[in-house]
């Protein structure tokens, strides 16, 4: 279990490197926690710094999850090696979840991070590529029709759970449990968005559907 604990911690620390703050450092010290919604995630980066900045943020946040899942599980750590008694799928999915957990609760930044959507999306593409298309389609449709990125991310995570429940069980129960845990974490991370949507105060991107909804209010 030492191997699992060390690899979980390593993946968490990698996940805790926030793309928005890393990119902001190279953009002359921009700290998006001090502008817009104050959230160091991709949505606030897009709203406050523009498309190029947000693109780099997405590349970092998506890439770090894929990197953690691809590199850390098979890594033979010095003094620990590979423990043959541990199920390798347990290591893989634990490491993947740890990367998202690090993004949402980064130790480097007072445990106040992003919402985890981009990192989770990258891991879905890597771990369950068959689920990537329905997840992406659902996310785009909800953003297009409502303008709510948070709602789209929550819904897409639940679509992933449903899709994997029908396609990978019982053979890949570890992948399904990873999807369930990730959906739970994303819902928790978006609890403020949920509250604001219920109150009617949540910000949304302009979209044909969002404009239609505004006219109907």
N, C-alpha and C. Protein backbone atom coordinates (compact mmCIF):
# COMPACT_ATOMS: atom_id res chain seq x y z
N UNK A 1 0.81 -1.21 0.00
CA UNK A 1 0.00 0.00 0.00
C UNK A 1 0.85 1.27 0.00
N UNK A 2 2.13 1.11 0.33
CA UNK A 2 3.02 2.28 0.30
C UNK A 2 3.10 2.84 -1.11
N UNK A 3 3.22 1.93 -2.08
CA UNK A 3 3.28 2.38 -3.48
C UNK A 3 2.02 3.18 -3.85
N UNK A 4 0.86 2.67 -3.48
CA UNK A 4 -0.40 3.34 -3.81
C UNK A 4 -0.46 4.72 -3.16
N UNK A 5 -0.08 4.80 -1.88
CA UNK A 5 -0.12 6.07 -1.18
C UNK A 5 0.82 7.10 -1.78
N UNK A 6 2.03 6.67 -2.12
CA UNK A 6 3.01 7.59 -2.70
C UNK A 6 2.57 8.07 -4.08
N UNK A 7 2.05 7.17 -4.87
CA UNK A 7 1.62 7.55 -6.22
C UNK A 7 0.38 8.43 -6.18
N UNK A 8 -0.52 8.17 -5.25
CA UNK A 8 -1.69 9.03 -5.07
C UNK A 8 -1.24 10.44 -4.71
N UNK A 9 -0.29 10.53 -3.79
CA UNK A 9 0.22 11.84 -3.36
C UNK A 9 0.92 12.56 -4.50
N UNK A 10 1.72 11.84 -5.26
CA UNK A 10 2.44 12.45 -6.39
C UNK A 10 1.46 12.98 -7.42
N UNK A 11 0.43 12.21 -7.75
CA UNK A 11 -0.57 12.65 -8.71
C UNK A 11 -1.34 13.86 -8.18
N UNK A 12 -1.65 13.84 -6.89
CA UNK A 12 -2.34 14.98 -6.28
C UNK A 12 -1.50 16.25 -6.42
N UNK A 13 -0.21 16.15 -6.15
CA UNK A 13 0.67 17.33 -6.23
C UNK A 13 0.77 17.85 -7.66
N UNK A 14 0.77 16.95 -8.63
CA UNK A 14 0.77 17.38 -10.03
C UNK A 14 -0.55 18.06 -10.36
N UNK A 15 -1.65 17.49 -9.92
CA UNK A 15 -2.95 18.09 -10.16
C UNK A 15 -3.09 19.45 -9.51
N UNK A 16 -2.37 19.66 -8.41
CA UNK A 16 -2.45 20.92 -7.68
C UNK A 16 -1.71 22.06 -8.36
N UNK A 17 -1.02 21.78 -9.45
CA UNK A 17 -0.40 22.85 -10.26
C UNK A 17 -1.49 23.40 -11.17
N UNK A 18 -2.03 24.56 -10.85
CA UNK A 18 -3.16 25.12 -11.58
C UNK A 18 -2.70 25.79 -12.87
N UNK A 19 -3.33 25.40 -13.97
CA UNK A 19 -2.95 25.95 -15.27
C UNK A 19 -3.08 27.45 -15.34
N UNK A 20 -4.14 28.01 -14.76
CA UNK A 20 -4.37 29.45 -14.85
C UNK A 20 -3.28 30.25 -14.16
N UNK A 21 -2.80 29.75 -13.02
CA UNK A 21 -1.76 30.47 -12.30
C UNK A 21 -0.39 30.26 -12.94
N UNK A 22 -0.17 29.07 -13.49
CA UNK A 22 1.09 28.81 -14.19
C UNK A 22 1.19 29.67 -15.45
N UNK A 23 0.12 29.68 -16.24
CA UNK A 23 0.11 30.50 -17.46
C UNK A 23 0.17 31.98 -17.09
N UNK A 24 -0.55 32.37 -16.04
CA UNK A 24 -0.52 33.75 -15.60
C UNK A 24 0.86 34.21 -15.21
N UNK A 25 1.66 33.32 -14.64
CA UNK A 25 3.04 33.66 -14.28
C UNK A 25 3.84 34.07 -15.51
N UNK A 26 3.63 33.36 -16.62
CA UNK A 26 4.34 33.67 -17.86
C UNK A 26 3.69 34.81 -18.64
N UNK A 27 2.51 35.24 -18.21
CA UNK A 27 1.83 36.38 -18.81
C UNK A 27 2.02 37.63 -17.97
N UNK A 28 3.19 37.76 -17.38
CA UNK A 28 3.49 38.97 -16.62
C UNK A 28 2.91 38.99 -15.23
N UNK A 29 2.68 37.82 -14.66
CA UNK A 29 2.21 37.77 -13.29
C UNK A 29 0.72 37.94 -13.12
N UNK A 30 -0.07 37.61 -14.15
CA UNK A 30 -1.53 37.71 -14.05
C UNK A 30 -2.04 36.69 -13.04
N UNK A 31 -2.86 37.14 -12.11
CA UNK A 31 -3.47 36.26 -11.11
C UNK A 31 -4.99 36.36 -11.27
N UNK A 32 -5.59 35.38 -11.94
CA UNK A 32 -7.03 35.50 -12.22
C UNK A 32 -7.89 35.27 -10.98
N UNK A 33 -7.25 34.93 -9.85
CA UNK A 33 -8.01 34.85 -8.61
C UNK A 33 -8.44 36.23 -8.13
N UNK A 34 -7.83 37.26 -8.73
CA UNK A 34 -8.13 38.63 -8.32
C UNK A 34 -9.04 39.35 -9.30
N UNK A 35 -9.52 38.64 -10.31
CA UNK A 35 -10.40 39.25 -11.30
C UNK A 35 -11.60 38.34 -11.56
N UNK A 36 -12.64 38.90 -12.15
CA UNK A 36 -13.81 38.11 -12.49
C UNK A 36 -14.43 37.43 -11.29
N UNK A 37 -14.71 36.15 -11.42
CA UNK A 37 -15.33 35.39 -10.33
C UNK A 37 -14.33 35.03 -9.24
N UNK A 38 -13.02 35.19 -9.55
CA UNK A 38 -11.99 34.83 -8.59
C UNK A 38 -11.62 33.37 -8.62
N UNK A 39 -12.30 32.59 -9.45
CA UNK A 39 -12.00 31.16 -9.52
C UNK A 39 -10.85 30.92 -10.50
N UNK A 40 -9.83 30.15 -10.08
CA UNK A 40 -8.68 29.92 -10.95
C UNK A 40 -8.90 28.79 -11.95
N UNK A 41 -10.02 28.84 -12.66
CA UNK A 41 -10.34 27.81 -13.63
C UNK A 41 -10.41 28.35 -15.04
N UNK A 42 -10.68 27.46 -15.98
CA UNK A 42 -10.68 27.83 -17.39
C UNK A 42 -11.77 28.81 -17.77
N UNK A 43 -12.95 28.69 -17.15
CA UNK A 43 -14.05 29.59 -17.50
C UNK A 43 -13.73 31.03 -17.13
N UNK A 44 -13.22 31.23 -15.92
CA UNK A 44 -12.84 32.59 -15.50
C UNK A 44 -11.67 33.10 -16.32
N UNK A 45 -10.76 32.20 -16.71
CA UNK A 45 -9.64 32.60 -17.57
C UNK A 45 -10.14 33.11 -18.91
N UNK A 46 -11.13 32.43 -19.48
CA UNK A 46 -11.68 32.85 -20.77
C UNK A 46 -12.40 34.19 -20.64
N UNK A 47 -13.19 34.34 -19.59
CA UNK A 47 -13.96 35.56 -19.42
C UNK A 47 -13.07 36.78 -19.18
N UNK A 48 -11.98 36.60 -18.47
CA UNK A 48 -11.18 37.76 -18.06
C UNK A 48 -9.91 37.97 -18.87
N UNK A 49 -9.35 36.91 -19.47
CA UNK A 49 -8.07 37.04 -20.16
C UNK A 49 -8.12 36.72 -21.64
N UNK A 50 -9.22 36.18 -22.13
CA UNK A 50 -9.33 35.93 -23.56
C UNK A 50 -9.04 34.50 -23.96
N UNK A 51 -9.21 34.24 -25.25
CA UNK A 51 -9.18 32.88 -25.77
C UNK A 51 -7.79 32.24 -25.73
N UNK A 52 -6.75 33.01 -26.08
CA UNK A 52 -5.41 32.42 -26.13
C UNK A 52 -4.96 32.01 -24.73
N UNK A 53 -5.14 32.89 -23.78
CA UNK A 53 -4.79 32.59 -22.38
C UNK A 53 -5.56 31.35 -21.92
N UNK A 54 -6.87 31.34 -22.17
CA UNK A 54 -7.70 30.22 -21.74
C UNK A 54 -7.30 28.92 -22.41
N UNK A 55 -6.88 29.00 -23.68
CA UNK A 55 -6.45 27.80 -24.40
C UNK A 55 -5.24 27.17 -23.72
N UNK A 56 -4.27 28.00 -23.35
CA UNK A 56 -3.09 27.48 -22.66
C UNK A 56 -3.45 26.90 -21.30
N UNK A 57 -4.38 27.54 -20.61
CA UNK A 57 -4.85 27.01 -19.33
C UNK A 57 -5.46 25.63 -19.52
N UNK A 58 -6.29 25.48 -20.55
CA UNK A 58 -6.92 24.20 -20.82
C UNK A 58 -5.88 23.13 -21.16
N UNK A 59 -4.87 23.51 -21.94
CA UNK A 59 -3.82 22.55 -22.30
C UNK A 59 -3.12 22.03 -21.05
N UNK A 60 -2.79 22.93 -20.13
CA UNK A 60 -2.11 22.53 -18.90
C UNK A 60 -3.03 21.65 -18.04
N UNK A 61 -4.27 22.10 -17.84
CA UNK A 61 -5.17 21.38 -16.94
C UNK A 61 -5.59 20.03 -17.49
N UNK A 62 -5.79 19.96 -18.80
CA UNK A 62 -6.10 18.66 -19.42
C UNK A 62 -4.86 17.77 -19.41
N UNK A 63 -3.74 18.36 -19.78
CA UNK A 63 -2.51 17.59 -19.92
C UNK A 63 -1.99 17.00 -18.63
N UNK A 64 -2.16 17.73 -17.52
CA UNK A 64 -1.59 17.22 -16.27
C UNK A 64 -2.31 15.95 -15.80
N UNK A 65 -3.61 15.87 -16.05
CA UNK A 65 -4.34 14.67 -15.68
C UNK A 65 -3.91 13.47 -16.52
N UNK A 66 -3.81 13.70 -17.83
CA UNK A 66 -3.36 12.62 -18.72
C UNK A 66 -1.94 12.20 -18.38
N UNK A 67 -1.08 13.18 -18.12
CA UNK A 67 0.31 12.88 -17.75
C UNK A 67 0.36 12.02 -16.49
N UNK A 68 -0.40 12.41 -15.48
CA UNK A 68 -0.39 11.66 -14.22
C UNK A 68 -0.85 10.22 -14.43
N UNK A 69 -1.93 10.04 -15.19
CA UNK A 69 -2.48 8.70 -15.41
C UNK A 69 -1.58 7.84 -16.29
N UNK A 70 -0.87 8.47 -17.21
CA UNK A 70 -0.03 7.72 -18.15
C UNK A 70 1.34 7.38 -17.56
N UNK A 71 1.88 8.26 -16.76
CA UNK A 71 3.27 8.12 -16.31
C UNK A 71 3.39 7.50 -14.92
N UNK A 72 2.54 7.92 -13.99
CA UNK A 72 2.75 7.53 -12.59
C UNK A 72 2.43 6.06 -12.30
N UNK A 73 1.31 5.48 -12.77
CA UNK A 73 1.00 4.09 -12.38
C UNK A 73 2.10 3.07 -12.69
N UNK A 74 2.73 3.10 -13.87
CA UNK A 74 3.76 2.09 -14.14
C UNK A 74 5.14 2.46 -13.59
N UNK A 75 5.24 3.60 -12.94
CA UNK A 75 6.54 4.09 -12.48
C UNK A 75 7.04 3.27 -11.30
N UNK A 76 8.29 2.82 -11.38
CA UNK A 76 8.92 2.11 -10.27
C UNK A 76 9.62 3.13 -9.39
N UNK A 77 8.99 3.51 -8.30
CA UNK A 77 9.55 4.53 -7.42
C UNK A 77 10.77 3.99 -6.68
N UNK A 78 11.80 4.81 -6.49
CA UNK A 78 13.00 4.37 -5.77
C UNK A 78 12.67 3.87 -4.37
N UNK A 79 13.16 2.71 -4.04
CA UNK A 79 12.94 2.15 -2.71
C UNK A 79 11.58 1.49 -2.53
N UNK A 80 10.71 1.62 -3.52
CA UNK A 80 9.36 1.06 -3.41
C UNK A 80 9.10 0.04 -4.52
N UNK A 81 9.44 0.44 -5.75
CA UNK A 81 9.24 -0.45 -6.89
C UNK A 81 7.77 -0.64 -7.21
N UNK A 82 7.45 -1.80 -7.77
CA UNK A 82 6.07 -2.15 -8.13
C UNK A 82 5.59 -3.25 -7.20
N UNK A 83 4.53 -2.99 -6.46
CA UNK A 83 3.99 -3.97 -5.52
C UNK A 83 3.06 -4.93 -6.27
N UNK A 84 3.44 -6.20 -6.43
CA UNK A 84 2.62 -7.15 -7.20
C UNK A 84 1.30 -7.51 -6.51
N UNK A 85 1.17 -7.16 -5.24
CA UNK A 85 -0.05 -7.51 -4.52
C UNK A 85 -1.17 -6.49 -4.74
N UNK A 86 -0.85 -5.37 -5.38
CA UNK A 86 -1.84 -4.31 -5.60
C UNK A 86 -2.41 -4.42 -7.01
N UNK A 87 -3.71 -4.39 -7.11
CA UNK A 87 -4.39 -4.38 -8.41
C UNK A 87 -3.96 -3.14 -9.18
N UNK A 88 -3.45 -3.32 -10.40
CA UNK A 88 -2.92 -2.17 -11.16
C UNK A 88 -4.04 -1.21 -11.56
N UNK A 89 -5.26 -1.71 -11.73
CA UNK A 89 -6.36 -0.80 -12.07
C UNK A 89 -6.67 0.11 -10.89
N UNK A 90 -6.50 -0.39 -9.67
CA UNK A 90 -6.70 0.44 -8.48
C UNK A 90 -5.71 1.58 -8.46
N UNK A 91 -4.47 1.29 -8.80
CA UNK A 91 -3.45 2.34 -8.87
C UNK A 91 -3.81 3.36 -9.94
N UNK A 92 -4.18 2.88 -11.11
CA UNK A 92 -4.49 3.78 -12.23
C UNK A 92 -5.63 4.74 -11.88
N UNK A 93 -6.75 4.20 -11.41
CA UNK A 93 -7.91 5.06 -11.17
C UNK A 93 -7.75 5.91 -9.92
N UNK A 94 -6.98 5.44 -8.96
CA UNK A 94 -6.68 6.26 -7.78
C UNK A 94 -5.82 7.45 -8.17
N UNK A 95 -4.83 7.21 -9.00
CA UNK A 95 -3.96 8.28 -9.48
C UNK A 95 -4.75 9.29 -10.30
N UNK A 96 -5.63 8.80 -11.16
CA UNK A 96 -6.44 9.69 -11.99
C UNK A 96 -7.33 10.58 -11.12
N UNK A 97 -7.98 9.99 -10.13
CA UNK A 97 -8.84 10.78 -9.24
C UNK A 97 -8.02 11.77 -8.43
N UNK A 98 -6.83 11.36 -8.01
CA UNK A 98 -5.97 12.25 -7.22
C UNK A 98 -5.59 13.51 -8.00
N UNK A 99 -5.39 13.38 -9.31
CA UNK A 99 -5.05 14.54 -10.13
C UNK A 99 -6.19 15.55 -10.14
N UNK A 100 -7.43 15.07 -10.23
CA UNK A 100 -8.59 15.97 -10.19
C UNK A 100 -8.74 16.57 -8.81
N UNK A 101 -8.56 15.75 -7.78
CA UNK A 101 -8.65 16.22 -6.40
C UNK A 101 -7.64 17.34 -6.14
N UNK A 102 -6.43 17.17 -6.68
CA UNK A 102 -5.41 18.20 -6.52
C UNK A 102 -5.79 19.51 -7.18
N UNK A 103 -6.47 19.43 -8.32
CA UNK A 103 -6.90 20.64 -9.01
C UNK A 103 -7.98 21.37 -8.21
N UNK A 104 -8.89 20.63 -7.62
CA UNK A 104 -9.99 21.24 -6.87
C UNK A 104 -9.52 21.76 -5.50
N UNK A 105 -8.63 21.00 -4.86
CA UNK A 105 -8.13 21.38 -3.54
C UNK A 105 -6.59 21.42 -3.55
N UNK A 106 -5.99 22.41 -4.20
CA UNK A 106 -4.53 22.45 -4.34
C UNK A 106 -3.82 22.90 -3.06
N UNK A 107 -2.92 22.09 -2.59
CA UNK A 107 -2.18 22.42 -1.37
C UNK A 107 -1.33 23.67 -1.56
N UNK A 108 -0.88 23.91 -2.80
CA UNK A 108 -0.02 25.07 -3.07
C UNK A 108 -0.78 26.39 -2.90
N UNK A 109 -2.09 26.37 -3.01
CA UNK A 109 -2.87 27.61 -3.06
C UNK A 109 -4.01 27.60 -2.04
N UNK A 110 -3.69 27.12 -0.84
CA UNK A 110 -4.67 27.17 0.24
C UNK A 110 -5.89 26.29 0.03
N UNK A 111 -5.75 25.24 -0.77
CA UNK A 111 -6.83 24.29 -1.06
C UNK A 111 -8.03 24.94 -1.75
N UNK A 112 -7.78 26.05 -2.44
CA UNK A 112 -8.84 26.73 -3.19
C UNK A 112 -8.46 26.73 -4.67
N UNK A 113 -9.01 25.77 -5.41
CA UNK A 113 -8.64 25.60 -6.81
C UNK A 113 -9.79 25.78 -7.77
N UNK A 114 -9.64 25.16 -8.94
CA UNK A 114 -10.67 25.23 -9.95
C UNK A 114 -11.76 24.20 -9.71
N UNK A 115 -12.61 24.02 -10.70
CA UNK A 115 -13.75 23.12 -10.55
C UNK A 115 -13.46 21.70 -11.05
N UNK A 116 -12.33 21.50 -11.73
CA UNK A 116 -11.92 20.16 -12.11
C UNK A 116 -12.43 19.65 -13.44
N UNK A 117 -13.23 20.45 -14.15
CA UNK A 117 -13.84 19.98 -15.39
C UNK A 117 -12.85 19.62 -16.48
N UNK A 118 -11.86 20.47 -16.70
CA UNK A 118 -10.90 20.23 -17.78
C UNK A 118 -10.04 19.01 -17.49
N UNK A 119 -9.56 18.90 -16.26
CA UNK A 119 -8.73 17.75 -15.89
C UNK A 119 -9.53 16.46 -15.99
N UNK A 120 -10.78 16.50 -15.55
CA UNK A 120 -11.64 15.31 -15.66
C UNK A 120 -11.90 14.96 -17.11
N UNK A 121 -12.11 15.96 -17.96
CA UNK A 121 -12.37 15.71 -19.38
C UNK A 121 -11.18 15.02 -20.04
N UNK A 122 -9.98 15.49 -19.72
CA UNK A 122 -8.79 14.87 -20.28
C UNK A 122 -8.66 13.42 -19.86
N UNK A 123 -9.00 13.14 -18.61
CA UNK A 123 -8.90 11.77 -18.12
C UNK A 123 -9.96 10.86 -18.72
N UNK A 124 -11.14 11.40 -18.98
CA UNK A 124 -12.16 10.61 -19.67
C UNK A 124 -11.67 10.22 -21.06
N UNK A 125 -11.08 11.18 -21.77
CA UNK A 125 -10.55 10.90 -23.11
C UNK A 125 -9.47 9.83 -23.07
N UNK A 126 -8.64 9.86 -22.03
CA UNK A 126 -7.53 8.92 -21.93
C UNK A 126 -7.99 7.54 -21.44
N UNK A 127 -8.83 7.52 -20.41
CA UNK A 127 -9.21 6.26 -19.78
C UNK A 127 -10.40 5.59 -20.45
N UNK A 128 -11.30 6.40 -21.01
CA UNK A 128 -12.52 5.85 -21.62
C UNK A 128 -12.84 6.61 -22.89
N UNK A 129 -12.01 6.46 -23.93
CA UNK A 129 -12.21 7.24 -25.15
C UNK A 129 -13.58 7.05 -25.79
N UNK A 130 -14.20 5.89 -25.60
CA UNK A 130 -15.53 5.67 -26.18
C UNK A 130 -16.57 6.60 -25.55
N UNK A 131 -16.32 7.01 -24.30
CA UNK A 131 -17.26 7.91 -23.62
C UNK A 131 -17.03 9.36 -23.96
N UNK A 132 -15.89 9.67 -24.56
CA UNK A 132 -15.52 11.06 -24.80
C UNK A 132 -16.52 11.78 -25.71
N UNK A 133 -16.98 11.11 -26.77
CA UNK A 133 -17.88 11.76 -27.72
C UNK A 133 -19.23 12.10 -27.10
N UNK A 134 -19.94 11.16 -26.46
CA UNK A 134 -21.21 11.54 -25.84
C UNK A 134 -21.05 12.58 -24.74
N UNK A 135 -19.95 12.52 -24.00
CA UNK A 135 -19.71 13.52 -22.96
C UNK A 135 -19.50 14.89 -23.58
N UNK A 136 -18.70 14.96 -24.65
CA UNK A 136 -18.45 16.24 -25.31
C UNK A 136 -19.72 16.80 -25.94
N UNK A 137 -20.48 15.94 -26.61
CA UNK A 137 -21.72 16.40 -27.25
C UNK A 137 -22.69 16.96 -26.21
N UNK A 138 -22.84 16.26 -25.10
CA UNK A 138 -23.76 16.74 -24.06
C UNK A 138 -23.29 18.07 -23.49
N UNK A 139 -21.98 18.22 -23.29
CA UNK A 139 -21.44 19.47 -22.75
C UNK A 139 -21.70 20.63 -23.70
N UNK A 140 -21.39 20.42 -24.98
CA UNK A 140 -21.58 21.49 -25.98
C UNK A 140 -23.05 21.86 -26.10
N UNK A 141 -23.94 20.88 -26.14
CA UNK A 141 -25.37 21.15 -26.29
C UNK A 141 -25.90 21.97 -25.12
N UNK A 142 -25.47 21.64 -23.91
CA UNK A 142 -25.98 22.35 -22.74
C UNK A 142 -25.43 23.77 -22.67
N UNK A 143 -24.15 23.95 -23.01
CA UNK A 143 -23.61 25.31 -23.05
C UNK A 143 -24.31 26.11 -24.14
N UNK A 144 -24.55 25.49 -25.30
CA UNK A 144 -25.19 26.18 -26.42
C UNK A 144 -26.62 26.58 -26.10
N UNK A 145 -27.33 25.71 -25.39
CA UNK A 145 -28.75 25.99 -25.13
C UNK A 145 -28.98 26.84 -23.89
N UNK A 146 -28.08 26.75 -22.89
CA UNK A 146 -28.32 27.48 -21.64
C UNK A 146 -27.28 28.55 -21.34
N UNK A 147 -26.05 28.38 -21.85
CA UNK A 147 -24.98 29.30 -21.53
C UNK A 147 -24.31 29.02 -20.20
N UNK A 148 -24.78 28.01 -19.48
CA UNK A 148 -24.22 27.68 -18.16
C UNK A 148 -23.13 26.62 -18.30
N UNK A 149 -21.87 27.01 -18.09
CA UNK A 149 -20.76 26.06 -18.18
C UNK A 149 -20.81 25.07 -17.02
N UNK A 150 -21.13 25.57 -15.82
CA UNK A 150 -21.20 24.69 -14.67
C UNK A 150 -22.23 23.59 -14.83
N UNK A 151 -23.41 23.96 -15.31
CA UNK A 151 -24.47 22.97 -15.55
C UNK A 151 -24.02 21.95 -16.59
N UNK A 152 -23.34 22.43 -17.63
CA UNK A 152 -22.86 21.53 -18.68
C UNK A 152 -21.84 20.54 -18.14
N UNK A 153 -20.94 21.02 -17.27
CA UNK A 153 -19.91 20.15 -16.71
C UNK A 153 -20.51 19.09 -15.79
N UNK A 154 -21.44 19.51 -14.94
CA UNK A 154 -22.11 18.56 -14.05
C UNK A 154 -22.87 17.52 -14.87
N UNK A 155 -23.62 17.98 -15.85
CA UNK A 155 -24.41 17.06 -16.67
C UNK A 155 -23.53 16.09 -17.44
N UNK A 156 -22.42 16.60 -18.00
CA UNK A 156 -21.51 15.74 -18.75
C UNK A 156 -20.91 14.66 -17.86
N UNK A 157 -20.60 15.02 -16.61
CA UNK A 157 -20.04 14.02 -15.69
C UNK A 157 -21.06 12.92 -15.39
N UNK A 158 -22.33 13.29 -15.30
CA UNK A 158 -23.38 12.29 -15.06
C UNK A 158 -23.63 11.45 -16.31
N UNK A 159 -23.51 12.07 -17.48
CA UNK A 159 -23.62 11.31 -18.74
C UNK A 159 -22.52 10.26 -18.80
N UNK A 160 -21.31 10.63 -18.36
CA UNK A 160 -20.20 9.68 -18.35
C UNK A 160 -20.52 8.49 -17.45
N UNK A 161 -21.08 8.76 -16.28
CA UNK A 161 -21.45 7.68 -15.35
C UNK A 161 -22.48 6.75 -15.99
N UNK A 162 -23.51 7.33 -16.59
CA UNK A 162 -24.57 6.52 -17.21
C UNK A 162 -24.02 5.71 -18.37
N UNK A 163 -23.23 6.36 -19.23
CA UNK A 163 -22.67 5.68 -20.40
C UNK A 163 -21.79 4.51 -19.97
N UNK A 164 -20.90 4.75 -19.01
CA UNK A 164 -20.00 3.69 -18.56
C UNK A 164 -20.76 2.60 -17.81
N UNK A 165 -21.83 2.98 -17.11
CA UNK A 165 -22.64 1.98 -16.43
C UNK A 165 -23.24 0.97 -17.39
N UNK A 166 -23.57 1.44 -18.58
CA UNK A 166 -24.17 0.55 -19.59
C UNK A 166 -23.13 -0.19 -20.43
N UNK A 167 -21.91 0.34 -20.49
CA UNK A 167 -20.94 -0.21 -21.44
C UNK A 167 -19.76 -0.95 -20.82
N UNK A 168 -19.41 -0.69 -19.57
CA UNK A 168 -18.20 -1.31 -19.03
C UNK A 168 -18.46 -2.25 -17.86
N UNK A 169 -19.64 -2.17 -17.25
CA UNK A 169 -19.93 -3.07 -16.13
C UNK A 169 -20.32 -4.45 -16.63
N UNK A 170 -19.95 -5.52 -15.92
CA UNK A 170 -19.21 -5.53 -14.66
C UNK A 170 -17.70 -5.64 -14.83
N UNK A 171 -17.23 -5.73 -16.08
CA UNK A 171 -15.81 -6.00 -16.31
C UNK A 171 -14.91 -4.87 -15.79
N UNK A 172 -15.30 -3.63 -16.04
CA UNK A 172 -14.47 -2.48 -15.66
C UNK A 172 -15.12 -1.71 -14.52
N UNK A 173 -15.32 -2.38 -13.41
CA UNK A 173 -15.97 -1.72 -12.27
C UNK A 173 -15.12 -0.58 -11.72
N UNK A 174 -13.80 -0.71 -11.83
CA UNK A 174 -12.91 0.36 -11.35
C UNK A 174 -13.11 1.64 -12.13
N UNK A 175 -13.25 1.54 -13.43
CA UNK A 175 -13.49 2.71 -14.27
C UNK A 175 -14.83 3.35 -13.93
N UNK A 176 -15.85 2.52 -13.71
CA UNK A 176 -17.17 3.05 -13.35
C UNK A 176 -17.13 3.77 -12.01
N UNK A 177 -16.44 3.19 -11.03
CA UNK A 177 -16.34 3.82 -9.72
C UNK A 177 -15.55 5.13 -9.81
N UNK A 178 -14.53 5.16 -10.66
CA UNK A 178 -13.79 6.41 -10.89
C UNK A 178 -14.72 7.48 -11.43
N UNK A 179 -15.57 7.11 -12.40
CA UNK A 179 -16.50 8.07 -12.98
C UNK A 179 -17.49 8.57 -11.93
N UNK A 180 -17.98 7.67 -11.07
CA UNK A 180 -18.92 8.07 -10.02
C UNK A 180 -18.26 9.02 -9.03
N UNK A 181 -17.04 8.68 -8.60
CA UNK A 181 -16.33 9.54 -7.65
C UNK A 181 -16.04 10.90 -8.26
N UNK A 182 -15.66 10.90 -9.54
CA UNK A 182 -15.38 12.16 -10.23
C UNK A 182 -16.63 13.02 -10.34
N UNK A 183 -17.75 12.41 -10.70
CA UNK A 183 -19.01 13.16 -10.80
C UNK A 183 -19.37 13.76 -9.45
N UNK A 184 -19.20 12.98 -8.38
CA UNK A 184 -19.49 13.51 -7.05
C UNK A 184 -18.61 14.69 -6.69
N UNK A 185 -17.32 14.59 -7.02
CA UNK A 185 -16.39 15.68 -6.74
C UNK A 185 -16.74 16.92 -7.55
N UNK A 186 -17.09 16.74 -8.82
CA UNK A 186 -17.43 17.89 -9.67
C UNK A 186 -18.72 18.56 -9.19
N UNK A 187 -19.69 17.77 -8.77
CA UNK A 187 -20.92 18.36 -8.24
C UNK A 187 -20.62 19.17 -6.99
N UNK A 188 -19.78 18.63 -6.11
CA UNK A 188 -19.40 19.36 -4.90
C UNK A 188 -18.65 20.65 -5.26
N UNK A 189 -17.74 20.57 -6.22
CA UNK A 189 -16.97 21.74 -6.61
C UNK A 189 -17.85 22.82 -7.22
N UNK A 190 -18.97 22.41 -7.81
CA UNK A 190 -19.90 23.36 -8.45
C UNK A 190 -21.09 23.72 -7.55
N UNK A 191 -20.99 23.45 -6.27
CA UNK A 191 -22.12 23.70 -5.38
C UNK A 191 -22.53 25.18 -5.38
N UNK A 192 -21.54 26.07 -5.48
CA UNK A 192 -21.86 27.50 -5.56
C UNK A 192 -22.60 27.84 -6.84
N UNK A 193 -22.18 27.23 -7.94
CA UNK A 193 -22.87 27.44 -9.22
C UNK A 193 -24.31 26.95 -9.15
N UNK A 194 -24.50 25.79 -8.52
CA UNK A 194 -25.86 25.24 -8.39
C UNK A 194 -26.74 26.20 -7.59
N UNK A 195 -26.20 26.72 -6.50
CA UNK A 195 -26.96 27.65 -5.67
C UNK A 195 -27.33 28.91 -6.46
N UNK A 196 -26.36 29.44 -7.23
CA UNK A 196 -26.64 30.66 -8.00
C UNK A 196 -27.62 30.39 -9.14
N UNK A 197 -27.56 29.22 -9.76
CA UNK A 197 -28.53 28.89 -10.80
C UNK A 197 -29.94 28.83 -10.22
N UNK A 198 -30.06 28.26 -9.04
CA UNK A 198 -31.37 28.19 -8.39
C UNK A 198 -31.87 29.58 -8.00
N UNK A 199 -30.92 30.47 -7.65
CA UNK A 199 -31.28 31.84 -7.26
C UNK A 199 -31.49 32.76 -8.47
N UNK A 200 -31.06 32.28 -9.66
CA UNK A 200 -31.16 33.10 -10.85
C UNK A 200 -30.08 34.14 -10.98
N UNK A 201 -28.93 33.94 -10.30
CA UNK A 201 -27.85 34.92 -10.33
C UNK A 201 -26.58 34.39 -10.99
N UNK A 202 -26.62 33.21 -11.54
CA UNK A 202 -25.43 32.61 -12.15
C UNK A 202 -25.11 33.28 -13.48
N UNK A 203 -23.83 33.60 -13.69
CA UNK A 203 -23.40 34.17 -14.97
C UNK A 203 -23.44 33.10 -16.05
N UNK A 204 -23.71 33.52 -17.27
CA UNK A 204 -23.73 32.56 -18.38
C UNK A 204 -23.14 33.19 -19.62
N UNK A 205 -22.61 32.33 -20.49
CA UNK A 205 -22.10 32.80 -21.76
C UNK A 205 -23.26 33.07 -22.70
N UNK A 206 -23.07 34.05 -23.59
CA UNK A 206 -24.09 34.35 -24.59
C UNK A 206 -24.20 33.18 -25.56
N UNK A 207 -25.42 32.74 -25.81
CA UNK A 207 -25.68 31.66 -26.76
C UNK A 207 -27.11 31.81 -27.24
N UNK A 208 -27.43 31.24 -28.40
CA UNK A 208 -28.82 31.34 -28.89
C UNK A 208 -29.83 30.84 -27.87
N UNK A 209 -29.52 29.73 -27.22
CA UNK A 209 -30.43 29.19 -26.23
C UNK A 209 -30.55 30.09 -25.02
N UNK A 210 -29.41 30.64 -24.57
CA UNK A 210 -29.43 31.52 -23.41
C UNK A 210 -30.22 32.78 -23.71
N UNK A 211 -30.08 33.32 -24.91
CA UNK A 211 -30.85 34.52 -25.28
C UNK A 211 -32.34 34.21 -25.31
N UNK A 212 -32.71 33.04 -25.80
CA UNK A 212 -34.12 32.65 -25.84
C UNK A 212 -34.68 32.51 -24.43
N UNK A 213 -33.87 31.93 -23.53
CA UNK A 213 -34.32 31.77 -22.16
C UNK A 213 -34.51 33.12 -21.48
N UNK A 214 -33.61 34.08 -21.79
CA UNK A 214 -33.75 35.41 -21.20
C UNK A 214 -35.03 36.07 -21.67
N UNK A 215 -35.36 35.91 -22.97
CA UNK A 215 -36.59 36.52 -23.49
C UNK A 215 -37.83 35.92 -22.83
N UNK A 216 -37.71 34.66 -22.44
CA UNK A 216 -38.86 34.01 -21.84
C UNK A 216 -39.05 34.34 -20.37
N UNK A 217 -38.04 34.99 -19.76
CA UNK A 217 -38.13 35.31 -18.34
C UNK A 217 -38.97 36.57 -18.12
